[in-house]
Amino acid sequence: MPTKNVSCPVEVTLEVIAGRWKILIIHQLLEGTKRFNQLQRELGGITHRTLTKQLREMEERGLLKRKDYREIPPRVEYSLSPVGRSLKRVLLAMQEWGEYYGRIASRKN
């Protein structure tokens, strides 16, 4: 997937992890390698088609690795690449900010 020319590194980051599911998929894979059905169960609410699309996009971007065991029944495992694992700090910072914002927003009400 080609990346458009942008001048802001934050915009690049947002482009790579944009969407409802990518951050949640990364969060699940930070716990370790998972199979497709396990991811789908743990994410709850994501369709087979959407999960497949998101995983493909993330693989194209170099965020995750896909291992196909070429067995019957099919067995495929997904894990984060080193680039994908490097997003852990980003997610932790987002979590921290979300907690902070939640606290100040609750004071306004």
PDB file of N, CA and C in Angstrom:
ATOM      1  N   MET A   1       0.844  -1.166   0.000  1.00  0.00           N
ATOM      2  CA  MET A   1       0.000   0.000   0.000  1.00  0.00           C
ATOM      3  C   MET A   1       0.889   1.229   0.000  1.00  0.00           C
ATOM      4  N   PRO A   2       0.788   2.078  -1.029  1.00  0.00           N
ATOM      5  CA  PRO A   2       1.649   3.246  -1.095  1.00  0.00           C
ATOM      6  C   PRO A   2       1.284   4.273  -0.028  1.00  0.00           C
ATOM      7  N   THR A   3       2.297   4.937   0.463  1.00  0.00           N
ATOM      8  CA  THR A   3       2.105   5.992   1.446  1.00  0.00           C
ATOM      9  C   THR A   3       2.191   7.321   0.725  1.00  0.00           C
ATOM     10  N   LYS A   4       1.202   8.175   0.960  1.00  0.00           N
ATOM     11  CA  LYS A   4       1.253   9.489   0.322  1.00  0.00           C
ATOM     12  C   LYS A   4       2.348  10.324   0.966  1.00  0.00           C
ATOM     13  N   ASN A   5       2.802  11.302   0.235  1.00  0.00           N
ATOM     14  CA  ASN A   5       3.861  12.173   0.726  1.00  0.00           C
ATOM     15  C   ASN A   5       3.263  13.143   1.742  1.00  0.00           C
ATOM     16  N   VAL A   6       3.727  13.055   2.979  1.00  0.00           N
ATOM     17  CA  VAL A   6       3.237  13.939   4.034  1.00  0.00           C
ATOM     18  C   VAL A   6       4.418  14.623   4.700  1.00  0.00           C
ATOM     19  N   SER A   7       4.131  15.766   5.289  1.00  0.00           N
ATOM     20  CA  SER A   7       5.213  16.519   5.918  1.00  0.00           C
ATOM     21  C   SER A   7       5.229  16.341   7.434  1.00  0.00           C
ATOM     22  N   CYS A   8       4.222  15.723   7.993  1.00  0.00           N
ATOM     23  CA  CYS A   8       4.119  15.609   9.446  1.00  0.00           C
ATOM     24  C   CYS A   8       4.196  14.146   9.871  1.00  0.00           C
ATOM     25  N   PRO A   9       5.175  13.786  10.695  1.00  0.00           N
ATOM     26  CA  PRO A   9       5.292  12.394  11.156  1.00  0.00           C
ATOM     27  C   PRO A   9       4.064  11.905  11.916  1.00  0.00           C
ATOM     28  N   VAL A  10       3.371  12.791  12.610  1.00  0.00           N
ATOM     29  CA  VAL A  10       2.149  12.389  13.324  1.00  0.00           C
ATOM     30  C   VAL A  10       1.093  11.937  12.326  1.00  0.00           C
ATOM     31  N   GLU A  11       1.006  12.628  11.200  1.00  0.00           N
ATOM     32  CA  GLU A  11       0.052  12.249  10.162  1.00  0.00           C
ATOM     33  C   GLU A  11       0.378  10.863   9.602  1.00  0.00           C
ATOM     34  N   VAL A  12       1.666  10.560   9.443  1.00  0.00           N
ATOM     35  CA  VAL A  12       2.081   9.235   8.980  1.00  0.00           C
ATOM     36  C   VAL A  12       1.618   8.173   9.975  1.00  0.00           C
ATOM     37  N   THR A  13       1.852   8.419  11.253  1.00  0.00           N
ATOM     38  CA  THR A  13       1.445   7.473  12.284  1.00  0.00           C
ATOM     39  C   THR A  13      -0.060   7.241  12.246  1.00  0.00           C
ATOM     40  N   LEU A  14      -0.823   8.318  12.175  1.00  0.00           N
ATOM     41  CA  LEU A  14      -2.280   8.198  12.140  1.00  0.00           C
ATOM     42  C   LEU A  14      -2.746   7.455  10.895  1.00  0.00           C
ATOM     43  N   GLU A  15      -2.085   7.691   9.777  1.00  0.00           N
ATOM     44  CA  GLU A  15      -2.457   6.998   8.543  1.00  0.00           C
ATOM     45  C   GLU A  15      -2.242   5.489   8.680  1.00  0.00           C
ATOM     46  N   VAL A  16      -1.164   5.093   9.318  1.00  0.00           N
ATOM     47  CA  VAL A  16      -0.826   3.670   9.445  1.00  0.00           C
ATOM     48  C   VAL A  16      -1.762   2.953  10.415  1.00  0.00           C
ATOM     49  N   ILE A  17      -2.141   3.600  11.520  1.00  0.00           N
ATOM     50  CA  ILE A  17      -2.963   2.919  12.529  1.00  0.00           C
ATOM     51  C   ILE A  17      -4.419   3.363  12.516  1.00  0.00           C
ATOM     52  N   ALA A  18      -4.810   4.138  11.502  1.00  0.00           N
ATOM     53  CA  ALA A  18      -6.174   4.666  11.436  1.00  0.00           C
ATOM     54  C   ALA A  18      -7.196   3.545  11.321  1.00  0.00           C
ATOM     55  N   GLY A  19      -8.352   3.837  11.810  1.00  0.00           N
ATOM     56  CA  GLY A  19      -9.462   2.900  11.726  1.00  0.00           C
ATOM     57  C   GLY A  19      -9.842   2.372  13.093  1.00  0.00           C
ATOM     58  N   ARG A  20     -11.015   1.825  13.153  1.00  0.00           N
ATOM     59  CA  ARG A  20     -11.556   1.345  14.422  1.00  0.00           C
ATOM     60  C   ARG A  20     -10.810   0.143  14.964  1.00  0.00           C
ATOM     61  N   TRP A  21     -10.325  -0.724  14.078  1.00  0.00           N
ATOM     62  CA  TRP A  21      -9.850  -2.033  14.506  1.00  0.00           C
ATOM     63  C   TRP A  21      -8.351  -2.188  14.629  1.00  0.00           C
ATOM     64  N   LYS A  22      -7.569  -1.436  13.893  1.00  0.00           N
ATOM     65  CA  LYS A  22      -6.122  -1.676  13.871  1.00  0.00           C
ATOM     66  C   LYS A  22      -5.487  -1.550  15.253  1.00  0.00           C
ATOM     67  N   ILE A  23      -5.844  -0.529  15.990  1.00  0.00           N
ATOM     68  CA  ILE A  23      -5.265  -0.362  17.323  1.00  0.00           C
ATOM     69  C   ILE A  23      -5.675  -1.520  18.226  1.00  0.00           C
ATOM     70  N   LEU A  24      -6.923  -1.959  18.100  1.00  0.00           N
ATOM     71  CA  LEU A  24      -7.391  -3.086  18.920  1.00  0.00           C
ATOM     72  C   LEU A  24      -6.683  -4.384  18.539  1.00  0.00           C
ATOM     73  N   ILE A  25      -6.421  -4.572  17.258  1.00  0.00           N
ATOM     74  CA  ILE A  25      -5.683  -5.751  16.802  1.00  0.00           C
ATOM     75  C   ILE A  25      -4.258  -5.705  17.357  1.00  0.00           C
ATOM     76  N   ILE A  26      -3.622  -4.557  17.265  1.00  0.00           N
ATOM     77  CA  ILE A  26      -2.261  -4.411  17.805  1.00  0.00           C
ATOM     78  C   ILE A  26      -2.264  -4.713  19.293  1.00  0.00           C
ATOM     79  N   HIS A  27      -3.236  -4.181  19.994  1.00  0.00           N
ATOM     80  CA  HIS A  27      -3.340  -4.418  21.446  1.00  0.00           C
ATOM     81  C   HIS A  27      -3.431  -5.910  21.741  1.00  0.00           C
ATOM     82  N   GLN A  28      -4.232  -6.643  20.985  1.00  0.00           N
ATOM     83  CA  GLN A  28      -4.358  -8.091  21.183  1.00  0.00           C
ATOM     84  C   GLN A  28      -3.048  -8.806  20.880  1.00  0.00           C
ATOM     85  N   LEU A  29      -2.379  -8.398  19.809  1.00  0.00           N
ATOM     86  CA  LEU A  29      -1.142  -9.081  19.408  1.00  0.00           C
ATOM     87  C   LEU A  29       0.047  -8.710  20.288  1.00  0.00           C
ATOM     88  N   LEU A  30      -0.059  -7.632  21.057  1.00  0.00           N
ATOM     89  CA  LEU A  30       0.986  -7.324  22.027  1.00  0.00           C
ATOM     90  C   LEU A  30       1.061  -8.407  23.103  1.00  0.00           C
ATOM     91  N   GLU A  31      -0.053  -9.127  23.297  1.00  0.00           N
ATOM     92  CA  GLU A  31      -0.086 -10.234  24.265  1.00  0.00           C
ATOM     93  C   GLU A  31       0.606 -11.477  23.722  1.00  0.00           C
ATOM     94  N   GLY A  32       0.794 -11.544  22.407  1.00  0.00           N
ATOM     95  CA  GLY A  32       1.459 -12.691  21.803  1.00  0.00           C
ATOM     96  C   GLY A  32       0.792 -13.127  20.513  1.00  0.00           C
ATOM     97  N   THR A  33       1.332 -14.165  19.923  1.00  0.00           N
ATOM     98  CA  THR A  33       0.849 -14.705  18.661  1.00  0.00           C
ATOM     99  C   THR A  33      -0.568 -15.241  18.831  1.00  0.00           C
ATOM    100  N   LYS A  34      -1.418 -14.985  17.813  1.00  0.00           N
ATOM    101  CA  LYS A  34      -2.808 -15.435  17.871  1.00  0.00           C
ATOM    102  C   LYS A  34      -3.247 -15.933  16.510  1.00  0.00           C
ATOM    103  N   ARG A  35      -4.179 -16.870  16.555  1.00  0.00           N
ATOM    104  CA  ARG A  35      -4.798 -17.363  15.329  1.00  0.00           C
ATOM    105  C   ARG A  35      -5.976 -16.469  14.969  1.00  0.00           C
ATOM    106  N   PHE A  36      -6.407 -16.570  13.711  1.00  0.00           N
ATOM    107  CA  PHE A  36      -7.469 -15.707  13.184  1.00  0.00           C
ATOM    108  C   PHE A  36      -8.730 -15.773  14.043  1.00  0.00           C
ATOM    109  N   ASN A  37      -9.232 -16.984  14.287  1.00  0.00           N
ATOM    110  CA  ASN A  37     -10.482 -17.117  15.047  1.00  0.00           C
ATOM    111  C   ASN A  37     -10.342 -16.607  16.472  1.00  0.00           C
ATOM    112  N   GLN A  38      -9.174 -16.781  17.053  1.00  0.00           N
ATOM    113  CA  GLN A  38      -8.932 -16.270  18.400  1.00  0.00           C
ATOM    114  C   GLN A  38      -9.007 -14.742  18.396  1.00  0.00           C
ATOM    115  N   LEU A  39      -8.390 -14.119  17.417  1.00  0.00           N
ATOM    116  CA  LEU A  39      -8.475 -12.663  17.302  1.00  0.00           C
ATOM    117  C   LEU A  39      -9.917 -12.213  17.134  1.00  0.00           C
ATOM    118  N   GLN A  40     -10.639 -12.893  16.267  1.00  0.00           N
ATOM    119  CA  GLN A  40     -12.020 -12.501  16.006  1.00  0.00           C
ATOM    120  C   GLN A  40     -12.875 -12.611  17.271  1.00  0.00           C
ATOM    121  N   ARG A  41     -12.697 -13.684  18.034  1.00  0.00           N
ATOM    122  CA  ARG A  41     -13.446 -13.843  19.290  1.00  0.00           C
ATOM    123  C   ARG A  41     -13.089 -12.746  20.286  1.00  0.00           C
ATOM    124  N   GLU A  42     -11.793 -12.477  20.431  1.00  0.00           N
ATOM    125  CA  GLU A  42     -11.349 -11.511  21.426  1.00  0.00           C
ATOM    126  C   GLU A  42     -11.713 -10.077  21.062  1.00  0.00           C
ATOM    127  N   LEU A  43     -11.823  -9.791  19.781  1.00  0.00           N
ATOM    128  CA  LEU A  43     -12.186  -8.448  19.363  1.00  0.00           C
ATOM    129  C   LEU A  43     -13.695  -8.223  19.467  1.00  0.00           C
ATOM    130  N   GLY A  44     -14.482  -9.263  19.340  1.00  0.00           N
ATOM    131  CA  GLY A  44     -15.927  -9.156  19.480  1.00  0.00           C
ATOM    132  C   GLY A  44     -16.537  -8.062  18.608  1.00  0.00           C
ATOM    133  N   GLY A  45     -17.359  -8.437  17.668  1.00  0.00           N
ATOM    134  CA  GLY A  45     -18.030  -7.453  16.831  1.00  0.00           C
ATOM    135  C   GLY A  45     -17.388  -7.221  15.484  1.00  0.00           C
ATOM    136  N   ILE A  46     -16.193  -7.709  15.265  1.00  0.00           N
ATOM    137  CA  ILE A  46     -15.543  -7.534  13.962  1.00  0.00           C
ATOM    138  C   ILE A  46     -15.957  -8.694  13.056  1.00  0.00           C
ATOM    139  N   THR A  47     -16.285  -8.371  11.826  1.00  0.00           N
ATOM    140  CA  THR A  47     -16.675  -9.415  10.883  1.00  0.00           C
ATOM    141  C   THR A  47     -15.433 -10.109  10.320  1.00  0.00           C
ATOM    142  N   HIS A  48     -15.647 -11.297   9.792  1.00  0.00           N
ATOM    143  CA  HIS A  48     -14.574 -12.072   9.164  1.00  0.00           C
ATOM    144  C   HIS A  48     -13.918 -11.245   8.059  1.00  0.00           C
ATOM    145  N   ARG A  49     -14.754 -10.632   7.236  1.00  0.00           N
ATOM    146  CA  ARG A  49     -14.268  -9.844   6.105  1.00  0.00           C
ATOM    147  C   ARG A  49     -13.424  -8.649   6.568  1.00  0.00           C
ATOM    148  N   THR A  50     -13.906  -7.926   7.570  1.00  0.00           N
ATOM    149  CA  THR A  50     -13.190  -6.752   8.072  1.00  0.00           C
ATOM    150  C   THR A  50     -11.866  -7.148   8.707  1.00  0.00           C
ATOM    151  N   LEU A  51     -11.870  -8.220   9.506  1.00  0.00           N
ATOM    152  CA  LEU A  51     -10.623  -8.663  10.132  1.00  0.00           C
ATOM    153  C   LEU A  51      -9.615  -9.070   9.069  1.00  0.00           C
ATOM    154  N   THR A  52     -10.056  -9.798   8.070  1.00  0.00           N
ATOM    155  CA  THR A  52      -9.165 -10.199   6.973  1.00  0.00           C
ATOM    156  C   THR A  52      -8.558  -8.968   6.300  1.00  0.00           C
ATOM    157  N   LYS A  53      -9.388  -7.976   6.006  1.00  0.00           N
ATOM    158  CA  LYS A  53      -8.919  -6.754   5.346  1.00  0.00           C
ATOM    159  C   LYS A  53      -7.910  -6.008   6.222  1.00  0.00           C
ATOM    160  N   GLN A  54      -8.222  -5.864   7.495  1.00  0.00           N
ATOM    161  CA  GLN A  54      -7.332  -5.138   8.401  1.00  0.00           C
ATOM    162  C   GLN A  54      -5.989  -5.858   8.547  1.00  0.00           C
ATOM    163  N   LEU A  55      -6.029  -7.179   8.691  1.00  0.00           N
ATOM    164  CA  LEU A  55      -4.792  -7.956   8.828  1.00  0.00           C
ATOM    165  C   LEU A  55      -3.939  -7.844   7.568  1.00  0.00           C
ATOM    166  N   ARG A  56      -4.570  -7.889   6.402  1.00  0.00           N
ATOM    167  CA  ARG A  56      -3.822  -7.753   5.143  1.00  0.00           C
ATOM    168  C   ARG A  56      -3.157  -6.384   5.045  1.00  0.00           C
ATOM    169  N   GLU A  57      -3.915  -5.339   5.385  1.00  0.00           N
ATOM    170  CA  GLU A  57      -3.349  -3.989   5.338  1.00  0.00           C
ATOM    171  C   GLU A  57      -2.176  -3.856   6.301  1.00  0.00           C
ATOM    172  N   MET A  58      -2.326  -4.414   7.481  1.00  0.00           N
ATOM    173  CA  MET A  58      -1.258  -4.330   8.479  1.00  0.00           C
ATOM    174  C   MET A  58      -0.031  -5.127   8.052  1.00  0.00           C
ATOM    175  N   GLU A  59      -0.260  -6.261   7.390  1.00  0.00           N
ATOM    176  CA  GLU A  59       0.861  -7.055   6.880  1.00  0.00           C
ATOM    177  C   GLU A  59       1.584  -6.284   5.771  1.00  0.00           C
ATOM    178  N   GLU A  60       0.827  -5.645   4.882  1.00  0.00           N
ATOM    179  CA  GLU A  60       1.428  -4.849   3.806  1.00  0.00           C
ATOM    180  C   GLU A  60       2.259  -3.693   4.355  1.00  0.00           C
ATOM    181  N   ARG A  61       1.831  -3.135   5.465  1.00  0.00           N
ATOM    182  CA  ARG A  61       2.534  -2.020   6.096  1.00  0.00           C
ATOM    183  C   ARG A  61       3.723  -2.474   6.929  1.00  0.00           C
ATOM    184  N   GLY A  62       3.862  -3.789   7.108  1.00  0.00           N
ATOM    185  CA  GLY A  62       4.989  -4.310   7.869  1.00  0.00           C
ATOM    186  C   GLY A  62       4.761  -4.331   9.371  1.00  0.00           C
ATOM    187  N   LEU A  63       3.492  -4.210   9.800  1.00  0.00           N
ATOM    188  CA  LEU A  63       3.187  -4.188  11.228  1.00  0.00           C
ATOM    189  C   LEU A  63       3.075  -5.582  11.832  1.00  0.00           C
ATOM    190  N   LEU A  64       2.736  -6.550  11.007  1.00  0.00           N
ATOM    191  CA  LEU A  64       2.589  -7.903  11.542  1.00  0.00           C
ATOM    192  C   LEU A  64       3.132  -8.939  10.584  1.00  0.00           C
ATOM    193  N   LYS A  65       3.323 -10.129  11.154  1.00  0.00           N
ATOM    194  CA  LYS A  65       3.797 -11.281  10.381  1.00  0.00           C
ATOM    195  C   LYS A  65       2.692 -12.321  10.372  1.00  0.00           C
ATOM    196  N   ARG A  66       2.534 -12.953   9.230  1.00  0.00           N
ATOM    197  CA  ARG A  66       1.535 -14.000   9.046  1.00  0.00           C
ATOM    198  C   ARG A  66       2.269 -15.300   8.780  1.00  0.00           C
ATOM    199  N   LYS A  67       1.964 -16.318   9.575  1.00  0.00           N
ATOM    200  CA  LYS A  67       2.601 -17.617   9.373  1.00  0.00           C
ATOM    201  C   LYS A  67       1.532 -18.627   9.007  1.00  0.00           C
ATOM    202  N   ASP A  68       1.628 -19.148   7.792  1.00  0.00           N
ATOM    203  CA  ASP A  68       0.689 -20.146   7.283  1.00  0.00           C
ATOM    204  C   ASP A  68       1.367 -21.503   7.377  1.00  0.00           C
ATOM    205  N   TYR A  69       0.781 -22.415   8.152  1.00  0.00           N
ATOM    206  CA  TYR A  69       1.368 -23.727   8.361  1.00  0.00           C
ATOM    207  C   TYR A  69       1.047 -24.712   7.237  1.00  0.00           C
ATOM    208  N   ARG A  70       0.200 -24.309   6.308  1.00  0.00           N
ATOM    209  CA  ARG A  70      -0.163 -25.154   5.152  1.00  0.00           C
ATOM    210  C   ARG A  70      -0.637 -26.532   5.606  1.00  0.00           C
ATOM    211  N   GLU A  71      -1.574 -26.523   6.543  1.00  0.00           N
ATOM    212  CA  GLU A  71      -2.153 -27.759   7.065  1.00  0.00           C
ATOM    213  C   GLU A  71      -3.641 -27.791   6.750  1.00  0.00           C
ATOM    214  N   ILE A  72      -4.196 -28.969   6.906  1.00  0.00           N
ATOM    215  CA  ILE A  72      -5.633 -29.135   6.808  1.00  0.00           C
ATOM    216  C   ILE A  72      -6.094 -29.688   8.142  1.00  0.00           C
ATOM    217  N   PRO A  73      -6.989 -29.053   8.875  1.00  0.00           N
ATOM    218  CA  PRO A  73      -7.583 -27.757   8.553  1.00  0.00           C
ATOM    219  C   PRO A  73      -6.536 -26.641   8.613  1.00  0.00           C
ATOM    220  N   PRO A  74      -6.838 -25.546   7.906  1.00  0.00           N
ATOM    221  CA  PRO A  74      -5.868 -24.452   7.827  1.00  0.00           C
ATOM    222  C   PRO A  74      -5.497 -23.907   9.200  1.00  0.00           C
ATOM    223  N   ARG A  75      -4.225 -23.604   9.364  1.00  0.00           N
ATOM    224  CA  ARG A  75      -3.736 -22.979  10.590  1.00  0.00           C
ATOM    225  C   ARG A  75      -2.828 -21.822  10.194  1.00  0.00           C
ATOM    226  N   VAL A  76      -3.263 -20.626  10.575  1.00  0.00           N
ATOM    227  CA  VAL A  76      -2.509 -19.401  10.284  1.00  0.00           C
ATOM    228  C   VAL A  76      -2.385 -18.636  11.593  1.00  0.00           C
ATOM    229  N   GLU A  77      -1.180 -18.144  11.866  1.00  0.00           N
ATOM    230  CA  GLU A  77      -0.934 -17.373  13.082  1.00  0.00           C
ATOM    231  C   GLU A  77      -0.433 -15.985  12.727  1.00  0.00           C
ATOM    232  N   TYR A  78      -0.817 -15.033  13.560  1.00  0.00           N
ATOM    233  CA  TYR A  78      -0.413 -13.646  13.373  1.00  0.00           C
ATOM    234  C   TYR A  78       0.363 -13.183  14.585  1.00  0.00           C
ATOM    235  N   SER A  79       1.418 -12.428  14.334  1.00  0.00           N
ATOM    236  CA  SER A  79       2.203 -11.836  15.410  1.00  0.00           C
ATOM    237  C   SER A  79       2.701 -10.481  14.928  1.00  0.00           C
ATOM    238  N   LEU A  80       3.050  -9.638  15.873  1.00  0.00           N
ATOM    239  CA  LEU A  80       3.571  -8.324  15.519  1.00  0.00           C
ATOM    240  C   LEU A  80       5.018  -8.437  15.057  1.00  0.00           C
ATOM    241  N   SER A  81       5.349  -7.658  14.068  1.00  0.00           N
ATOM    242  CA  SER A  81       6.740  -7.529  13.635  1.00  0.00           C
ATOM    243  C   SER A  81       7.434  -6.577  14.620  1.00  0.00           C
ATOM    244  N   PRO A  82       8.739  -6.429  14.520  1.00  0.00           N
ATOM    245  CA  PRO A  82       9.407  -5.431  15.368  1.00  0.00           C
ATOM    246  C   PRO A  82       8.822  -4.019  15.194  1.00  0.00           C
ATOM    247  N   VAL A  83       8.446  -3.678  13.974  1.00  0.00           N
ATOM    248  CA  VAL A  83       7.829  -2.365  13.736  1.00  0.00           C
ATOM    249  C   VAL A  83       6.479  -2.286  14.456  1.00  0.00           C
ATOM    250  N   GLY A  84       5.694  -3.350  14.379  1.00  0.00           N
ATOM    251  CA  GLY A  84       4.413  -3.380  15.072  1.00  0.00           C
ATOM    252  C   GLY A  84       4.576  -3.298  16.577  1.00  0.00           C
ATOM    253  N   ARG A  85       5.556  -4.029  17.111  1.00  0.00           N
ATOM    254  CA  ARG A  85       5.808  -3.988  18.561  1.00  0.00           C
ATOM    255  C   ARG A  85       6.260  -2.599  19.014  1.00  0.00           C
ATOM    256  N   SER A  86       6.887  -1.857  18.111  1.00  0.00           N
ATOM    257  CA  SER A  86       7.344  -0.516  18.484  1.00  0.00           C
ATOM    258  C   SER A  86       6.168   0.427  18.742  1.00  0.00           C
ATOM    259  N   LEU A  87       4.979   0.059  18.325  1.00  0.00           N
ATOM    260  CA  LEU A  87       3.797   0.883  18.586  1.00  0.00           C
ATOM    261  C   LEU A  87       3.310   0.768  20.026  1.00  0.00           C
ATOM    262  N   LYS A  88       3.890  -0.134  20.800  1.00  0.00           N
ATOM    263  CA  LYS A  88       3.477  -0.297  22.194  1.00  0.00           C
ATOM    264  C   LYS A  88       3.584   1.026  22.951  1.00  0.00           C
ATOM    265  N   ARG A  89       4.683   1.728  22.766  1.00  0.00           N
ATOM    266  CA  ARG A  89       4.861   3.020  23.450  1.00  0.00           C
ATOM    267  C   ARG A  89       3.791   4.018  23.035  1.00  0.00           C
ATOM    268  N   VAL A  90       3.433   3.997  21.754  1.00  0.00           N
ATOM    269  CA  VAL A  90       2.396   4.899  21.247  1.00  0.00           C
ATOM    270  C   VAL A  90       1.062   4.580  21.918  1.00  0.00           C
ATOM    271  N   LEU A  91       0.721   3.296  21.991  1.00  0.00           N
ATOM    272  CA  LEU A  91      -0.546   2.899  22.602  1.00  0.00           C
ATOM    273  C   LEU A  91      -0.574   3.213  24.089  1.00  0.00           C
ATOM    274  N   LEU A  92       0.539   2.996  24.773  1.00  0.00           N
ATOM    275  CA  LEU A  92       0.595   3.330  26.203  1.00  0.00           C
ATOM    276  C   LEU A  92       0.414   4.834  26.417  1.00  0.00           C
ATOM    277  N   ALA A  93       1.021   5.637  25.558  1.00  0.00           N
ATOM    278  CA  ALA A  93       0.858   7.092  25.660  1.00  0.00           C
ATOM    279  C   ALA A  93      -0.594   7.483  25.383  1.00  0.00           C
ATOM    280  N   MET A  94      -1.223   6.835  24.413  1.00  0.00           N
ATOM    281  CA  MET A  94      -2.626   7.119  24.117  1.00  0.00           C
ATOM    282  C   MET A  94      -3.520   6.715  25.284  1.00  0.00           C
ATOM    283  N   GLN A  95      -3.224   5.590  25.908  1.00  0.00           N
ATOM    284  CA  GLN A  95      -3.992   5.141  27.068  1.00  0.00           C
ATOM    285  C   GLN A  95      -3.860   6.149  28.210  1.00  0.00           C
ATOM    286  N   GLU A  96      -2.632   6.569  28.472  1.00  0.00           N
ATOM    287  CA  GLU A  96      -2.381   7.533  29.537  1.00  0.00           C
ATOM    288  C   GLU A  96      -3.125   8.836  29.272  1.00  0.00           C
ATOM    289  N   TRP A  97      -3.068   9.319  28.042  1.00  0.00           N
ATOM    290  CA  TRP A  97      -3.764  10.552  27.703  1.00  0.00           C
ATOM    291  C   TRP A  97      -5.272  10.370  27.828  1.00  0.00           C
ATOM    292  N   GLY A  98      -5.792   9.218  27.375  1.00  0.00           N
ATOM    293  CA  GLY A  98      -7.226   8.956  27.475  1.00  0.00           C
ATOM    294  C   GLY A  98      -7.706   8.938  28.915  1.00  0.00           C
ATOM    295  N   GLU A  99      -6.904   8.361  29.803  1.00  0.00           N
ATOM    296  CA  GLU A  99      -7.252   8.361  31.225  1.00  0.00           C
ATOM    297  C   GLU A  99      -7.242   9.786  31.785  1.00  0.00           C
ATOM    298  N   TYR A 100      -6.221  10.546  31.423  1.00  0.00           N
ATOM    299  CA  TYR A 100      -6.127  11.944  31.854  1.00  0.00           C
ATOM    300  C   TYR A 100      -7.341  12.725  31.356  1.00  0.00           C
ATOM    301  N   TYR A 101      -7.645  12.592  30.088  1.00  0.00           N
ATOM    302  CA  TYR A 101      -8.770  13.321  29.504  1.00  0.00           C
ATOM    303  C   TYR A 101     -10.085  12.905  30.154  1.00  0.00           C
ATOM    304  N   GLY A 102     -10.223  11.622  30.424  1.00  0.00           N
ATOM    305  CA  GLY A 102     -11.428  11.133  31.101  1.00  0.00           C
ATOM    306  C   GLY A 102     -11.620  11.787  32.457  1.00  0.00           C
ATOM    307  N   ARG A 103     -10.515  11.963  33.180  1.00  0.00           N
ATOM    308  CA  ARG A 103     -10.592  12.600  34.499  1.00  0.00           C
ATOM    309  C   ARG A 103     -10.998  14.068  34.399  1.00  0.00           C
ATOM    310  N   ILE A 104     -10.374  14.796  33.471  1.00  0.00           N
ATOM    311  CA  ILE A 104     -10.715  16.228  33.393  1.00  0.00           C
ATOM    312  C   ILE A 104     -12.090  16.433  32.774  1.00  0.00           C
ATOM    313  N   ALA A 105     -12.492  15.569  31.856  1.00  0.00           N
ATOM    314  CA  ALA A 105     -13.816  15.697  31.243  1.00  0.00           C
ATOM    315  C   ALA A 105     -14.909  15.409  32.258  1.00  0.00           C
ATOM    316  N   SER A 106     -14.676  14.471  33.174  1.00  0.00           N
ATOM    317  CA  SER A 106     -15.686  14.126  34.183  1.00  0.00           C
ATOM    318  C   SER A 106     -15.864  15.263  35.191  1.00  0.00           C
ATOM    319  N   ARG A 107     -14.837  16.062  35.389  1.00  0.00           N
ATOM    320  CA  ARG A 107     -14.940  17.206  36.305  1.00  0.00           C
ATOM    321  C   ARG A 107     -15.803  18.321  35.743  1.00  0.00           C
ATOM    322  N   LYS A 108     -15.879  18.409  34.424  1.00  0.00           N
ATOM    323  CA  LYS A 108     -16.665  19.457  33.780  1.00  0.00           C
ATOM    324  C   LYS A 108     -18.160  19.199  33.904  1.00  0.00           C
ATOM    325  N   ASN A 109     -18.526  17.936  34.076  1.00  0.00           N
ATOM    326  CA  ASN A 109     -19.964  17.586  34.121  1.00  0.00           C
ATOM    327  C   ASN A 109     -20.517  17.695  35.480  1.00  0.00           C
TER     328      ASN A 109
END
